[in-house]
Protein backbone atom coordinates (compact mmCIF):
# COMPACT_ATOMS: atom_id res chain seq x y z
CA MET A 1 5.66 0.76 -2.95
CA VAL A 2 8.81 1.49 -4.96
CA LEU A 3 12.48 1.63 -4.17
CA ASP A 4 13.99 3.43 -7.12
CA ARG A 5 12.88 7.05 -6.69
CA GLU A 6 15.56 9.69 -7.24
CA ASP A 7 16.27 11.27 -3.87
CA SER A 8 17.16 14.94 -3.74
CA MET A 9 20.32 15.09 -1.71
CA ASN A 10 23.73 16.72 -2.06
CA ALA A 11 25.94 14.16 -3.81
CA LYS A 12 29.11 15.61 -2.34
CA THR A 13 27.77 15.14 1.19
CA ILE A 14 26.73 11.56 0.43
CA ALA A 15 30.18 10.74 -0.90
CA LEU A 16 31.71 11.60 2.48
CA LEU A 17 29.91 8.64 4.07
CA GLU A 18 31.24 5.22 3.11
CA LEU A 19 28.92 2.23 3.08
CA SER A 20 30.96 -0.93 3.55
CA ASN A 21 29.88 -4.35 2.32
CA ALA A 22 29.37 -5.47 5.90
CA ASP A 23 27.21 -2.45 6.81
CA PHE A 24 25.16 -2.74 3.62
CA ASN A 25 24.52 -6.44 4.27
CA ASN A 26 23.54 -5.70 7.87
CA ILE A 27 21.05 -3.06 6.68
CA ARG A 28 19.70 -5.46 4.05
CA THR A 29 19.15 -8.05 6.78
CA LEU A 30 17.36 -5.55 9.03
CA VAL A 31 15.18 -4.41 6.11
CA HIS A 32 14.20 -7.99 5.28
CA GLU A 33 13.52 -8.95 8.88
CA ASN A 34 11.31 -5.92 9.53
CA THR A 35 9.58 -5.25 6.20
CA GLY A 36 10.00 -8.44 4.18
CA ILE A 37 11.64 -6.44 1.37
CA ALA A 38 14.55 -8.19 -0.31
CA LEU A 39 17.08 -5.51 -1.29
CA SER A 40 19.30 -6.50 -4.20
CA PRO A 41 22.98 -5.47 -4.38
CA ALA A 42 21.92 -2.88 -6.95
CA LYS A 43 20.14 -0.94 -4.17
CA ARG A 44 23.38 -0.02 -2.41
CA GLU A 45 23.42 3.60 -3.59
CA LEU A 46 19.74 3.94 -2.75
CA VAL A 47 20.43 2.83 0.83
CA LYS A 48 23.30 5.31 1.00
CA ARG A 49 21.07 8.17 -0.20
CA ARG A 50 18.15 7.29 2.04
CA PHE A 51 20.03 6.97 5.32
CA SER A 52 22.85 9.52 5.01
CA PRO A 53 20.54 12.36 6.21
CA ARG A 54 19.59 10.28 9.24
CA LEU A 55 23.23 9.70 10.17
CA ARG A 56 23.82 13.45 10.09
CA ALA A 57 20.64 14.13 12.10
CA LEU A 58 21.72 11.64 14.78
CA ASP A 59 25.34 12.85 14.64
CA LEU A 60 26.59 9.35 13.88
CA PRO A 61 30.00 9.01 12.20
CA SER A 62 29.34 5.94 10.03
CA PHE A 63 26.79 3.45 8.74
CA GLY A 64 28.27 0.91 11.13
CA ALA A 65 27.38 3.22 14.02
CA TYR A 66 23.85 3.54 12.61
CA VAL A 67 23.49 -0.26 12.47
CA ASP A 68 24.53 -0.44 16.13
CA TYR A 69 22.10 2.36 16.96
CA LEU A 70 19.27 0.54 15.19
CA ARG A 71 19.91 -2.69 17.05
CA SER A 72 19.85 -0.87 20.40
CA ASN A 73 16.99 1.52 19.69
CA PHE A 74 14.73 -0.16 17.15
CA ALA A 75 11.58 0.55 19.16
CA GLN A 76 12.24 4.29 18.69
CA GLU A 77 14.05 4.28 15.33
CA GLY A 78 12.18 1.48 13.57
CA ASN A 79 9.38 3.65 12.22
CA TYR A 80 11.83 6.05 10.52
CA PHE A 81 13.92 3.13 9.26
CA CYS A 82 10.97 1.37 7.64
CA ASN A 83 9.51 4.58 6.20
CA ALA A 84 12.86 5.56 4.69
CA ILE A 85 13.27 2.34 2.75
CA THR A 86 9.71 2.15 1.44
CA THR A 87 8.72 4.96 -0.89
CA ASN A 88 5.12 4.66 -1.97
CA LEU A 89 4.02 5.35 -5.53
CA THR A 90 0.39 5.23 -6.51
CA SER A 91 -2.23 7.16 -8.47
CA PHE A 92 -5.96 7.33 -9.06
CA TYR A 93 -7.30 4.46 -11.16
CA ARG A 94 -3.89 2.89 -11.61
CA GLU A 95 -4.39 -0.42 -13.47
CA ASN A 96 -8.01 0.49 -14.07
CA HIS A 97 -8.97 -3.00 -15.30
CA HIS A 98 -9.28 -4.11 -11.67
CA PHE A 99 -11.85 -1.42 -10.93
CA GLU A 100 -13.75 -2.40 -14.07
CA LEU A 101 -13.73 -6.02 -12.88
CA LEU A 102 -15.03 -4.87 -9.50
CA GLN A 103 -17.86 -2.94 -11.12
CA LYS A 104 -18.89 -5.39 -13.83
CA GLN A 105 -18.35 -8.78 -12.18
CA VAL A 106 -17.43 -8.71 -8.51
CA LEU A 107 -20.05 -6.36 -7.07
CA PRO A 108 -22.99 -7.81 -9.05
CA GLN A 109 -21.97 -11.26 -7.81
CA LEU A 110 -21.68 -10.07 -4.21
CA LEU A 111 -25.02 -8.28 -4.32
CA LYS A 112 -26.61 -11.42 -5.71
CA THR A 113 -25.22 -13.78 -3.09
CA LYS A 114 -25.12 -11.59 0.03
CA ARG A 115 -28.24 -11.22 2.12
CA GLN A 116 -29.40 -7.73 3.11
CA GLY A 117 -27.22 -6.55 6.01
CA GLU A 118 -24.59 -9.24 5.46
CA ARG A 119 -21.19 -7.60 5.53
CA ILE A 120 -19.05 -6.86 2.47
CA ARG A 121 -15.38 -6.31 3.20
CA ILE A 122 -12.55 -5.12 0.95
CA TRP A 123 -8.88 -4.87 1.95
CA SER A 124 -6.42 -2.52 0.25
CA ALA A 125 -3.10 -3.99 1.45
CA GLY A 126 -0.19 -1.63 0.88
CA CYS A 127 -2.49 1.34 0.30
CA ALA A 128 0.32 3.95 0.21
CA THR A 129 -1.19 7.46 0.24
CA GLY A 130 -4.73 6.19 -0.23
CA GLN A 131 -5.70 6.79 -3.86
CA GLU A 132 -6.48 3.10 -4.41
CA ALA A 133 -8.75 2.98 -1.36
CA TYR A 134 -10.67 6.07 -2.49
CA CYS A 135 -11.11 4.58 -5.98
CA LEU A 136 -12.51 1.46 -4.34
CA ALA A 137 -14.91 3.58 -2.29
CA ILE A 138 -16.07 5.47 -5.38
CA THR A 139 -16.71 2.20 -7.20
CA LEU A 140 -18.76 0.94 -4.25
CA LEU A 141 -20.85 4.09 -3.99
CA LYS A 142 -21.53 4.18 -7.72
CA ASN A 143 -22.81 0.60 -7.71
CA ILE A 144 -24.36 0.06 -4.27
CA SER A 145 -27.11 2.48 -3.29
CA ASP A 146 -27.36 1.37 0.34
CA THR A 147 -23.78 0.83 1.55
CA GLN A 148 -24.66 1.51 5.19
CA ARG A 149 -27.56 -0.95 5.36
CA ARG A 150 -25.44 -3.54 3.58
CA ASP A 151 -22.53 -3.02 6.01
CA VAL A 152 -19.93 -2.28 3.33
CA LYS A 153 -16.43 -1.30 4.54
CA ILE A 154 -12.90 -0.96 3.20
CA LEU A 155 -9.79 -1.62 5.29
CA ALA A 156 -6.71 0.16 3.93
CA THR A 157 -3.34 -0.63 5.49
CA ASP A 158 0.26 0.39 5.03
CA LEU A 159 3.55 0.29 6.90
CA ASP A 160 4.32 3.99 6.42
CA GLU A 161 2.75 6.32 8.99
CA ASN A 162 3.51 9.38 6.85
CA CYS A 163 1.59 7.93 3.91
CA LEU A 164 -1.32 6.99 6.15
CA ALA A 165 -1.52 10.56 7.43
CA ILE A 166 -1.90 11.78 3.84
CA ALA A 167 -4.47 9.07 3.12
CA ARG A 168 -6.60 9.95 6.15
CA LYS A 169 -6.68 13.63 5.18
CA GLY A 170 -7.56 12.69 1.60
CA ALA A 171 -6.33 15.97 0.05
CA TYR A 172 -4.42 15.60 -3.21
CA PRO A 173 -2.92 18.21 -5.59
CA ASN A 174 -5.03 19.01 -8.65
CA LYS A 175 -2.42 17.53 -10.99
CA GLU A 176 -3.09 14.04 -9.61
CA PHE A 177 -6.62 14.00 -11.03
CA GLY A 178 -5.72 13.79 -14.69
CA THR A 179 -7.23 10.29 -14.98
CA VAL A 180 -10.35 11.17 -12.99
CA SER A 181 -13.51 12.14 -14.86
CA PRO A 182 -15.17 15.52 -14.10
CA ASP A 183 -18.28 13.65 -12.94
CA ILE A 184 -16.34 11.75 -10.28
CA LEU A 185 -14.42 14.87 -9.28
CA ASN A 186 -17.60 16.89 -8.80
CA ASN A 187 -19.49 14.18 -6.93
CA TYR A 188 -16.83 12.82 -4.61
CA PHE A 189 -14.24 15.58 -4.04
CA ALA A 190 -14.24 19.24 -3.03
CA PRO A 191 -11.71 21.94 -4.03
CA GLU A 192 -9.52 23.19 -1.19
CA ILE A 193 -6.44 25.37 -0.72
CA VAL A 194 -3.94 23.55 1.50
CA GLY A 195 -1.16 25.48 3.22
CA THR A 196 -0.46 29.21 3.32
CA GLY A 197 1.73 31.69 1.55
CA GLN A 198 4.21 30.29 -0.94
CA LYS A 199 3.43 26.76 0.26
CA ALA A 200 -0.27 27.03 -0.58
CA LYS A 201 -1.48 24.63 -3.25
CA SER A 202 -4.78 23.81 -4.89
CA CYS A 203 -6.10 20.39 -3.94
CA TYR A 204 -9.20 18.26 -4.11
CA THR A 205 -10.28 16.64 -0.85
CA ALA A 206 -12.21 13.39 -0.56
CA SER A 207 -15.79 13.79 0.63
CA HIS A 208 -17.14 12.49 3.93
CA LYS A 209 -19.16 9.82 2.13
CA LEU A 210 -15.89 8.35 0.80
CA LYS A 211 -14.02 8.63 4.08
CA GLU A 212 -16.74 6.96 6.13
CA LEU A 213 -16.35 3.78 4.05
CA ILE A 214 -12.61 3.49 4.72
CA THR A 215 -10.54 2.69 7.80
CA PHE A 216 -6.84 3.47 7.41
CA ASN A 217 -4.60 1.47 9.76
CA LYS A 218 -0.90 0.86 10.10
CA LEU A 219 0.05 -2.76 9.39
CA ASN A 220 3.37 -4.43 8.79
CA LEU A 221 2.61 -7.42 6.58
CA MET A 222 5.54 -9.26 8.18
CA GLU A 223 3.93 -9.14 11.62
CA PRO A 224 0.82 -11.03 12.85
CA TRP A 225 -2.37 -9.68 11.31
CA PRO A 226 -5.09 -8.65 13.78
CA MET A 227 -7.96 -9.21 11.31
CA LYS A 228 -10.04 -12.31 11.90
CA GLY A 229 -12.98 -11.77 9.57
CA GLN A 230 -13.17 -12.74 5.92
CA PHE A 231 -12.53 -10.40 2.98
CA ASP A 232 -14.59 -10.58 -0.19
CA VAL A 233 -11.95 -8.68 -2.17
CA ILE A 234 -8.25 -8.11 -1.50
CA PHE A 235 -6.18 -5.62 -3.49
CA CYS A 236 -2.44 -6.14 -2.94
CA ARG A 237 -0.90 -4.58 -6.00
CA ASN A 238 2.76 -3.88 -6.74
CA VAL A 239 3.82 -5.07 -3.31
CA PHE A 240 4.94 -8.66 -4.00
CA ILE A 241 7.68 -7.53 -6.38
CA TYR A 242 9.78 -6.34 -3.43
CA PHE A 243 9.59 -9.64 -1.55
CA ASP A 244 11.47 -12.88 -2.06
CA LYS A 245 9.52 -15.97 -3.12
CA GLU A 246 9.27 -17.39 0.40
CA THR A 247 7.79 -14.14 1.73
CA GLN A 248 5.40 -13.91 -1.23
CA LEU A 249 4.12 -17.40 -0.49
CA GLN A 250 3.72 -16.55 3.18
CA LEU A 251 1.59 -13.53 2.30
CA LEU A 252 -0.51 -15.46 -0.20
CA ARG A 253 -1.24 -18.15 2.37
CA GLY A 254 -2.33 -15.41 4.76
CA PHE A 255 -4.65 -13.92 2.15
CA ALA A 256 -6.11 -17.33 1.32
CA ALA A 257 -6.88 -17.93 5.00
CA LEU A 258 -8.93 -14.71 5.07
CA GLN A 259 -11.00 -15.49 1.98
CA GLN A 260 -13.93 -17.80 1.42
CA PRO A 261 -14.59 -19.57 -1.90
CA GLY A 262 -15.85 -17.06 -4.45
CA SER A 263 -13.72 -14.19 -3.08
CA TYR A 264 -11.34 -12.17 -5.25
CA LEU A 265 -7.64 -11.23 -5.12
CA CYS A 266 -6.03 -8.58 -7.36
CA ILE A 267 -2.25 -8.17 -7.65
CA GLY A 268 0.05 -5.87 -9.64
CA HIS A 269 0.60 -5.84 -13.39
CA SER A 270 4.11 -7.35 -13.14
CA GLU A 271 3.24 -9.90 -10.45
CA ILE A 272 2.10 -13.49 -10.76
CA ILE A 273 1.00 -16.37 -8.55
CA PRO A 274 3.02 -19.33 -9.90
CA ASN A 275 0.73 -22.14 -8.68
CA PRO A 276 -2.58 -20.51 -7.75
CA ALA A 277 -4.44 -23.83 -7.50
CA GLN A 278 -2.26 -24.87 -4.56
CA LEU A 279 -3.61 -21.88 -2.67
CA GLY A 280 -7.16 -22.41 -3.84
CA TYR A 281 -7.19 -19.61 -6.44
CA GLN A 282 -7.85 -19.60 -10.16
CA LEU A 283 -6.87 -16.91 -12.65
CA ILE A 284 -9.98 -15.14 -13.99
CA GLY A 285 -8.47 -12.14 -15.75
CA LYS A 286 -5.45 -9.91 -15.97
CA THR A 287 -3.69 -10.31 -12.58
CA ALA A 288 -7.06 -11.13 -10.98
CA TYR A 289 -7.82 -14.36 -9.13
CA ARG A 290 -10.86 -15.96 -7.55
CA LYS A 291 -10.95 -18.38 -4.66
CA LYS A 292 -12.26 -21.64 -6.09
CA GLN A 293 -15.52 -23.11 -4.90
CA ALA A 294 -15.17 -26.15 -2.68
């Protein structure tokens, strides 16, 4: 999830809409309350670019009018509002050391300690358009021959409904597979032409055996989590960097409550847990933690 993508929009049109300090601060507050993201003052122009098209679409004269509209119609407008401020960036085998850890250490340990038929659960929190979840599924299939008998499942969640729609379809342009080996491509994806006419593009689509391991659900990390069961592995990478320290701690406590001793947590390359022992974790590798044994 990133907030610094260049948005393609007519600069002259944007300049016609003024974003006052008061309106910017009100939008920052609404963003924090509903997504947990802490927007810095440096994100002012980004906010202006992201929401100017919406003001025109709703025929609203100012950002102040949009703030009033949000407060009165958040049930209808909230999904657009949250999607607009969270742009998701991901790729196949991003920060590959976590997948190597999963293959070489985590899965052998789980297969050793779990009884046949005892569930194995992995959560991709902030899954964006789904590449991380599919990489997790590939790693599972390559290392566990009987995923169905062992009750192995991946939960992949994100706030953005548009991203989840892409993830569920599992079709990605050919150019996104530069880091994927031909062996993986041939075994787990199928070539497909998506769209028609000038909009047609060559893609690779995830196979059924990948999709059946993954459940993609919408989840706002700032709202109560419906999951009650324990997760053996949680991937929450490059999400914390957009939250303030209090929100980060709140999320980490939630993760810790859903993990038994011996479970694993992977975070992003620029993220850190300041006092992991207080939450019951210990650092075991590059941005990888394990829940300590009692």
